[in-house]
Amino acid sequence: MTKEEFLKGKSFRLNRSYIGKDITFSTDKDNSYLSEEFRGKDNKVLFSKHIMNIEHIGTKRIKCFTFVLDTRVNKTIYYKDMIEVPEEDNI
């Protein structure tokens, strides 16, 4: 996935063993936070929820953060690790 596709709000997957196949991610229209999307058997988004705030959008990665029990948790996600969800599935 490219930075431009990310900024347009296209849904993407992360190839991690602990993330289910029915979960994708996207950004809001202002690119201020990441949402986790839960998909049904037909691959349509059933619902989504806010998971992390976006602190910085760079040329190769984004830096995000959230708080868990009053502790700040930082995460860096590289565009090369984002797998774009095909447009027909991105409903």
C-alpha atoms as a PDB file:
ATOM      1  CA  MET A   1       0.000   0.000   0.000  1.00  0.00           C
ATOM      2  CA  THR A   2       1.205   3.534  -0.677  1.00  0.00           C
ATOM      3  CA  LYS A   3       0.970   6.650   1.444  1.00  0.00           C
ATOM      4  CA  GLU A   4      -1.539   8.150  -1.018  1.00  0.00           C
ATOM      5  CA  GLU A   5      -3.834   5.136  -0.754  1.00  0.00           C
ATOM      6  CA  PHE A   6      -3.608   5.298   3.036  1.00  0.00           C
ATOM      7  CA  LEU A   7      -4.477   9.013   3.043  1.00  0.00           C
ATOM      8  CA  LYS A   8      -7.559   8.312   0.881  1.00  0.00           C
ATOM      9  CA  GLY A   9      -8.865   6.068   3.660  1.00  0.00           C
ATOM     10  CA  LYS A  10      -8.577   2.746   1.835  1.00  0.00           C
ATOM     11  CA  SER A  11      -8.998  -0.276   4.065  1.00  0.00           C
ATOM     12  CA  PHE A  12      -5.998  -2.492   4.682  1.00  0.00           C
ATOM     13  CA  ARG A  13      -4.986  -5.671   6.456  1.00  0.00           C
ATOM     14  CA  LEU A  14      -1.893  -6.398   8.501  1.00  0.00           C
ATOM     15  CA  ASN A  15      -0.375  -9.834   8.005  1.00  0.00           C
ATOM     16  CA  ARG A  16      -0.018 -10.764  11.665  1.00  0.00           C
ATOM     17  CA  SER A  17      -0.880 -14.166  13.128  1.00  0.00           C
ATOM     18  CA  TYR A  18      -2.761 -12.580  16.044  1.00  0.00           C
ATOM     19  CA  ILE A  19      -5.084 -10.523  13.788  1.00  0.00           C
ATOM     20  CA  GLY A  20      -8.102 -12.391  12.399  1.00  0.00           C
ATOM     21  CA  LYS A  21      -8.778 -12.572   8.662  1.00  0.00           C
ATOM     22  CA  ASP A  22     -12.098 -10.760   9.182  1.00  0.00           C
ATOM     23  CA  ILE A  23     -10.431  -7.636  10.620  1.00  0.00           C
ATOM     24  CA  THR A  24      -9.235  -4.691   8.541  1.00  0.00           C
ATOM     25  CA  PHE A  25      -8.150  -1.152   9.347  1.00  0.00           C
ATOM     26  CA  SER A  26      -8.747   2.292   7.882  1.00  0.00           C
ATOM     27  CA  THR A  27      -8.301   5.942   8.724  1.00  0.00           C
ATOM     28  CA  ASP A  28     -10.922   8.644   9.152  1.00  0.00           C
ATOM     29  CA  LYS A  29     -11.427  11.433   6.596  1.00  0.00           C
ATOM     30  CA  ASP A  30      -9.124  13.778   8.539  1.00  0.00           C
ATOM     31  CA  ASN A  31      -6.431  11.093   8.966  1.00  0.00           C
ATOM     32  CA  SER A  32      -6.409  11.656  12.711  1.00  0.00           C
ATOM     33  CA  TYR A  33      -7.110   8.111  13.926  1.00  0.00           C
ATOM     34  CA  LEU A  34      -7.148   4.438  12.909  1.00  0.00           C
ATOM     35  CA  SER A  35     -10.318   2.379  12.986  1.00  0.00           C
ATOM     36  CA  GLU A  36     -10.546  -1.372  13.312  1.00  0.00           C
ATOM     37  CA  GLU A  37     -13.195  -2.796  10.973  1.00  0.00           C
ATOM     38  CA  PHE A  38     -15.010  -6.061  11.616  1.00  0.00           C
ATOM     39  CA  ARG A  39     -16.204  -7.819   8.456  1.00  0.00           C
ATOM     40  CA  GLY A  40     -18.918 -10.397   7.929  1.00  0.00           C
ATOM     41  CA  LYS A  41     -18.809 -13.555   5.820  1.00  0.00           C
ATOM     42  CA  ASP A  42     -19.624 -11.494   2.720  1.00  0.00           C
ATOM     43  CA  ASN A  43     -16.570  -9.315   3.536  1.00  0.00           C
ATOM     44  CA  LYS A  44     -18.680  -6.175   4.102  1.00  0.00           C
ATOM     45  CA  VAL A  45     -17.865  -4.003   7.107  1.00  0.00           C
ATOM     46  CA  LEU A  46     -20.324  -4.778   9.910  1.00  0.00           C
ATOM     47  CA  PHE A  47     -18.985  -2.169  12.340  1.00  0.00           C
ATOM     48  CA  SER A  48     -15.812  -0.318  13.184  1.00  0.00           C
ATOM     49  CA  LYS A  49     -14.245   1.204  16.263  1.00  0.00           C
ATOM     50  CA  HIS A  50     -11.528   3.734  17.036  1.00  0.00           C
ATOM     51  CA  ILE A  51      -8.321   2.041  18.143  1.00  0.00           C
ATOM     52  CA  MET A  52      -5.407   4.493  17.867  1.00  0.00           C
ATOM     53  CA  ASN A  53      -4.691   8.168  17.309  1.00  0.00           C
ATOM     54  CA  ILE A  54      -2.325   9.071  14.475  1.00  0.00           C
ATOM     55  CA  GLU A  55       0.573  11.180  15.672  1.00  0.00           C
ATOM     56  CA  HIS A  56       2.680  11.399  12.501  1.00  0.00           C
ATOM     57  CA  ILE A  57       2.266  10.435   8.849  1.00  0.00           C
ATOM     58  CA  GLY A  58       5.633  10.026   7.162  1.00  0.00           C
ATOM     59  CA  THR A  59       6.839   8.900   3.761  1.00  0.00           C
ATOM     60  CA  LYS A  60       7.467   5.279   4.856  1.00  0.00           C
ATOM     61  CA  ARG A  61       5.399   4.829   8.020  1.00  0.00           C
ATOM     62  CA  ILE A  62       2.770   6.171  10.366  1.00  0.00           C
ATOM     63  CA  LYS A  63       3.199   6.593  14.099  1.00  0.00           C
ATOM     64  CA  CYS A  64       0.170   5.936  16.284  1.00  0.00           C
ATOM     65  CA  PHE A  65      -0.591   5.951  19.979  1.00  0.00           C
ATOM     66  CA  THR A  66      -3.282   5.071  22.472  1.00  0.00           C
ATOM     67  CA  PHE A  67      -3.577   4.820  26.242  1.00  0.00           C
ATOM     68  CA  VAL A  68      -4.061   1.618  28.235  1.00  0.00           C
ATOM     69  CA  LEU A  69      -4.535   1.953  31.999  1.00  0.00           C
ATOM     70  CA  ASP A  70      -2.994   5.448  31.986  1.00  0.00           C
ATOM     71  CA  THR A  71       0.060   4.238  30.050  1.00  0.00           C
ATOM     72  CA  ARG A  72       0.815   5.544  26.584  1.00  0.00           C
ATOM     73  CA  VAL A  73       1.331   2.783  23.996  1.00  0.00           C
ATOM     74  CA  ASN A  74       3.165   3.707  20.768  1.00  0.00           C
ATOM     75  CA  LYS A  75       3.003   1.761  17.498  1.00  0.00           C
ATOM     76  CA  THR A  76       4.744   2.278  14.168  1.00  0.00           C
ATOM     77  CA  ILE A  77       3.130   0.812  11.052  1.00  0.00           C
ATOM     78  CA  TYR A  78       4.996   0.751   7.753  1.00  0.00           C
ATOM     79  CA  TYR A  79       3.152   1.170   4.445  1.00  0.00           C
ATOM     80  CA  LYS A  80       4.992  -1.902   3.117  1.00  0.00           C
ATOM     81  CA  ASP A  81       3.239  -4.003   5.804  1.00  0.00           C
ATOM     82  CA  MET A  82      -0.236  -2.739   4.841  1.00  0.00           C
ATOM     83  CA  ILE A  83      -2.107  -5.061   2.471  1.00  0.00           C
ATOM     84  CA  GLU A  84      -4.791  -3.175   0.570  1.00  0.00           C
ATOM     85  CA  VAL A  85      -8.301  -4.624   0.654  1.00  0.00           C
ATOM     86  CA  PRO A  86      -9.567  -4.931  -2.959  1.00  0.00           C
ATOM     87  CA  GLU A  87     -12.065  -2.206  -3.914  1.00  0.00           C
ATOM     88  CA  GLU A  88     -14.956  -4.664  -4.367  1.00  0.00           C
ATOM     89  CA  ASP A  89     -14.403  -5.798  -0.761  1.00  0.00           C
ATOM     90  CA  ASN A  90     -14.026  -2.246   0.558  1.00  0.00           C
ATOM     91  CA  ILE A  91     -17.748  -1.546   1.039  1.00  0.00           C
END
